[in-house]
C-alpha atoms as a PDB file:
ATOM      1  CA  UNK A   1      42.729  51.094 154.638  1.00  0.00           C
ATOM      2  CA  UNK A   2      43.127  48.149 157.464  1.00  0.00           C
ATOM      3  CA  UNK A   3      46.858  46.860 158.538  1.00  0.00           C
ATOM      4  CA  UNK A   4      47.952  44.316 156.424  1.00  0.00           C
ATOM      5  CA  UNK A   5      50.149  41.014 157.332  1.00  0.00           C
ATOM      6  CA  UNK A   6      51.008  38.360 155.159  1.00  0.00           C
ATOM      7  CA  UNK A   7      48.427  39.470 152.576  1.00  0.00           C
ATOM      8  CA  UNK A   8      45.691  39.275 154.754  1.00  0.00           C
ATOM      9  CA  UNK A   9      43.697  42.363 156.399  1.00  0.00           C
ATOM     10  CA  UNK A  10      44.178  42.181 160.133  1.00  0.00           C
ATOM     11  CA  UNK A  11      40.484  42.830 162.049  1.00  0.00           C
ATOM     12  CA  UNK A  12      40.540  44.236 165.592  1.00  0.00           C
ATOM     13  CA  UNK A  13      37.489  42.735 167.697  1.00  0.00           C
ATOM     14  CA  UNK A  14      35.836  44.549 170.441  1.00  0.00           C
ATOM     15  CA  UNK A  15      38.053  43.509 173.227  1.00  0.00           C
ATOM     16  CA  UNK A  16      41.079  44.741 171.097  1.00  0.00           C
ATOM     17  CA  UNK A  17      39.248  48.126 170.641  1.00  0.00           C
ATOM     18  CA  UNK A  18      38.503  48.213 174.351  1.00  0.00           C
ATOM     19  CA  UNK A  19      42.085  47.198 175.128  1.00  0.00           C
ATOM     20  CA  UNK A  20      43.207  49.870 172.874  1.00  0.00           C
ATOM     21  CA  UNK A  21      41.115  52.961 174.333  1.00  0.00           C
ATOM     22  CA  UNK A  22      42.386  51.815 178.017  1.00  0.00           C
ATOM     23  CA  UNK A  23      45.903  52.150 176.930  1.00  0.00           C
ATOM     24  CA  UNK A  24      45.560  55.646 175.190  1.00  0.00           C
ATOM     25  CA  UNK A  25      43.623  56.986 177.934  1.00  0.00           C
ATOM     26  CA  UNK A  26      46.375  56.015 180.301  1.00  0.00           C
ATOM     27  CA  UNK A  27      48.666  57.386 178.450  1.00  0.00           C
ATOM     28  CA  UNK A  28      46.923  60.474 178.213  1.00  0.00           C
ATOM     29  CA  UNK A  29      46.512  60.817 181.791  1.00  0.00           C
ATOM     30  CA  UNK A  30      42.714  59.728 182.119  1.00  0.00           C
ATOM     31  CA  UNK A  31      42.544  58.204 185.314  1.00  0.00           C
ATOM     32  CA  UNK A  32      38.515  57.599 184.843  1.00  0.00           C
ATOM     33  CA  UNK A  33      37.435  54.156 183.804  1.00  0.00           C
ATOM     34  CA  UNK A  34      37.190  54.795 180.000  1.00  0.00           C
ATOM     35  CA  UNK A  35      34.791  52.068 177.758  1.00  0.00           C
ATOM     36  CA  UNK A  36      33.902  52.510 174.251  1.00  0.00           C
ATOM     37  CA  UNK A  37      30.610  53.218 175.266  1.00  0.00           C
ATOM     38  CA  UNK A  38      32.125  56.537 176.749  1.00  0.00           C
ATOM     39  CA  UNK A  39      33.151  58.000 173.669  1.00  0.00           C
ATOM     40  CA  UNK A  40      29.713  57.279 172.443  1.00  0.00           C
ATOM     41  CA  UNK A  41      28.374  58.968 175.283  1.00  0.00           C
ATOM     42  CA  UNK A  42      30.905  61.762 174.685  1.00  0.00           C
ATOM     43  CA  UNK A  43      30.127  62.243 171.155  1.00  0.00           C
ATOM     44  CA  UNK A  44      26.482  62.746 171.553  1.00  0.00           C
ATOM     45  CA  UNK A  45      27.129  65.127 174.284  1.00  0.00           C
ATOM     46  CA  UNK A  46      29.229  67.300 172.486  1.00  0.00           C
ATOM     47  CA  UNK A  47      26.960  67.161 169.389  1.00  0.00           C
ATOM     48  CA  UNK A  48      24.134  68.219 171.204  1.00  0.00           C
ATOM     49  CA  UNK A  49      26.368  71.108 172.926  1.00  0.00           C
ATOM     50  CA  UNK A  50      27.002  71.963 169.191  1.00  0.00           C
ATOM     51  CA  UNK A  51      23.647  72.889 168.411  1.00  0.00           C
ATOM     52  CA  UNK A  52      22.930  69.403 166.781  1.00  0.00           C
ATOM     53  CA  UNK A  53      19.577  68.518 167.021  1.00  0.00           C
ATOM     54  CA  UNK A  54      18.164  65.929 169.345  1.00  0.00           C
ATOM     55  CA  UNK A  55      16.557  64.369 166.036  1.00  0.00           C
ATOM     56  CA  UNK A  56      19.732  64.280 164.133  1.00  0.00           C
ATOM     57  CA  UNK A  57      21.743  62.929 167.040  1.00  0.00           C
ATOM     58  CA  UNK A  58      19.017  60.159 167.663  1.00  0.00           C
ATOM     59  CA  UNK A  59      19.102  58.981 164.020  1.00  0.00           C
ATOM     60  CA  UNK A  60      22.711  58.895 163.829  1.00  0.00           C
ATOM     61  CA  UNK A  61      22.831  56.670 166.964  1.00  0.00           C
ATOM     62  CA  UNK A  62      20.424  54.406 165.463  1.00  0.00           C
ATOM     63  CA  UNK A  63      17.987  55.243 168.623  1.00  0.00           C
ATOM     64  CA  UNK A  64      13.864  54.294 167.773  1.00  0.00           C
ATOM     65  CA  UNK A  65      13.017  57.091 170.958  1.00  0.00           C
ATOM     66  CA  UNK A  66      14.184  60.317 171.245  1.00  0.00           C
ATOM     67  CA  UNK A  67      14.149  60.012 174.826  1.00  0.00           C
ATOM     68  CA  UNK A  68      16.612  57.560 174.858  1.00  0.00           C
ATOM     69  CA  UNK A  69      18.805  60.146 173.268  1.00  0.00           C
ATOM     70  CA  UNK A  70      18.058  62.255 175.870  1.00  0.00           C
ATOM     71  CA  UNK A  71      18.891  60.053 178.663  1.00  0.00           C
ATOM     72  CA  UNK A  72      22.224  59.270 176.897  1.00  0.00           C
ATOM     73  CA  UNK A  73      22.922  62.690 176.626  1.00  0.00           C
ATOM     74  CA  UNK A  74      22.811  62.976 180.144  1.00  0.00           C
ATOM     75  CA  UNK A  75      20.632  65.925 180.009  1.00  0.00           C
ATOM     76  CA  UNK A  76      18.619  67.247 182.542  1.00  0.00           C
ATOM     77  CA  UNK A  77      14.846  66.985 183.068  1.00  0.00           C
ATOM     78  CA  UNK A  78      14.027  70.500 181.950  1.00  0.00           C
ATOM     79  CA  UNK A  79      16.055  70.198 179.233  1.00  0.00           C
ATOM     80  CA  UNK A  80      14.906  66.836 177.971  1.00  0.00           C
ATOM     81  CA  UNK A  81      11.392  67.901 178.247  1.00  0.00           C
ATOM     82  CA  UNK A  82      11.915  70.723 176.200  1.00  0.00           C
ATOM     83  CA  UNK A  83      13.783  68.965 173.693  1.00  0.00           C
ATOM     84  CA  UNK A  84      11.437  66.218 173.046  1.00  0.00           C
ATOM     85  CA  UNK A  85       8.525  68.462 172.961  1.00  0.00           C
ATOM     86  CA  UNK A  86      10.044  70.454 170.237  1.00  0.00           C
ATOM     87  CA  UNK A  87      10.632  67.071 168.452  1.00  0.00           C
ATOM     88  CA  UNK A  88       6.989  66.188 168.482  1.00  0.00           C
ATOM     89  CA  UNK A  89       5.798  69.611 167.688  1.00  0.00           C
ATOM     90  CA  UNK A  90       8.264  69.585 164.429  1.00  0.00           C
ATOM     91  CA  UNK A  91       8.810  65.771 163.244  1.00  0.00           C
ATOM     92  CA  UNK A  92       9.299  67.348 159.751  1.00  0.00           C
ATOM     93  CA  UNK A  93      12.656  68.809 160.975  1.00  0.00           C
ATOM     94  CA  UNK A  94      14.718  66.104 159.528  1.00  0.00           C
ATOM     95  CA  UNK A  95      18.566  65.620 160.595  1.00  0.00           C
ATOM     96  CA  UNK A  96      19.948  65.961 157.291  1.00  0.00           C
ATOM     97  CA  UNK A  97      23.427  67.435 157.156  1.00  0.00           C
ATOM     98  CA  UNK A  98      23.399  68.716 160.468  1.00  0.00           C
ATOM     99  CA  UNK A  99      26.113  66.199 161.842  1.00  0.00           C
ATOM    100  CA  UNK A 100      28.120  66.058 159.001  1.00  0.00           C
ATOM    101  CA  UNK A 101      28.358  70.366 159.274  1.00  0.00           C
ATOM    102  CA  UNK A 102      29.128  69.586 162.753  1.00  0.00           C
ATOM    103  CA  UNK A 103      32.272  67.662 162.468  1.00  0.00           C
ATOM    104  CA  UNK A 104      33.437  68.539 159.550  1.00  0.00           C
END
């Protein structure tokens, strides 16, 4: 439930989210320049490291191509090739449940 002021829900815009992320990163002692997109990259990379399939991550992030997802997760060319090859060999292997199981 969003924060309410004077009976109206308060919504944070994109700049507010970015500013909050920078404040929290600083409070946590993170000196690296952190952006909203940094969280998206990290999330995708951690899912991949936990064994979630490239196809599931691709679907969750809304990418049309598994190659985009592979780049997004900053994988090596060898791993990218292997995972994309497996994706095209077994396209019927859908992402149902993989992400939910990983983050629950």
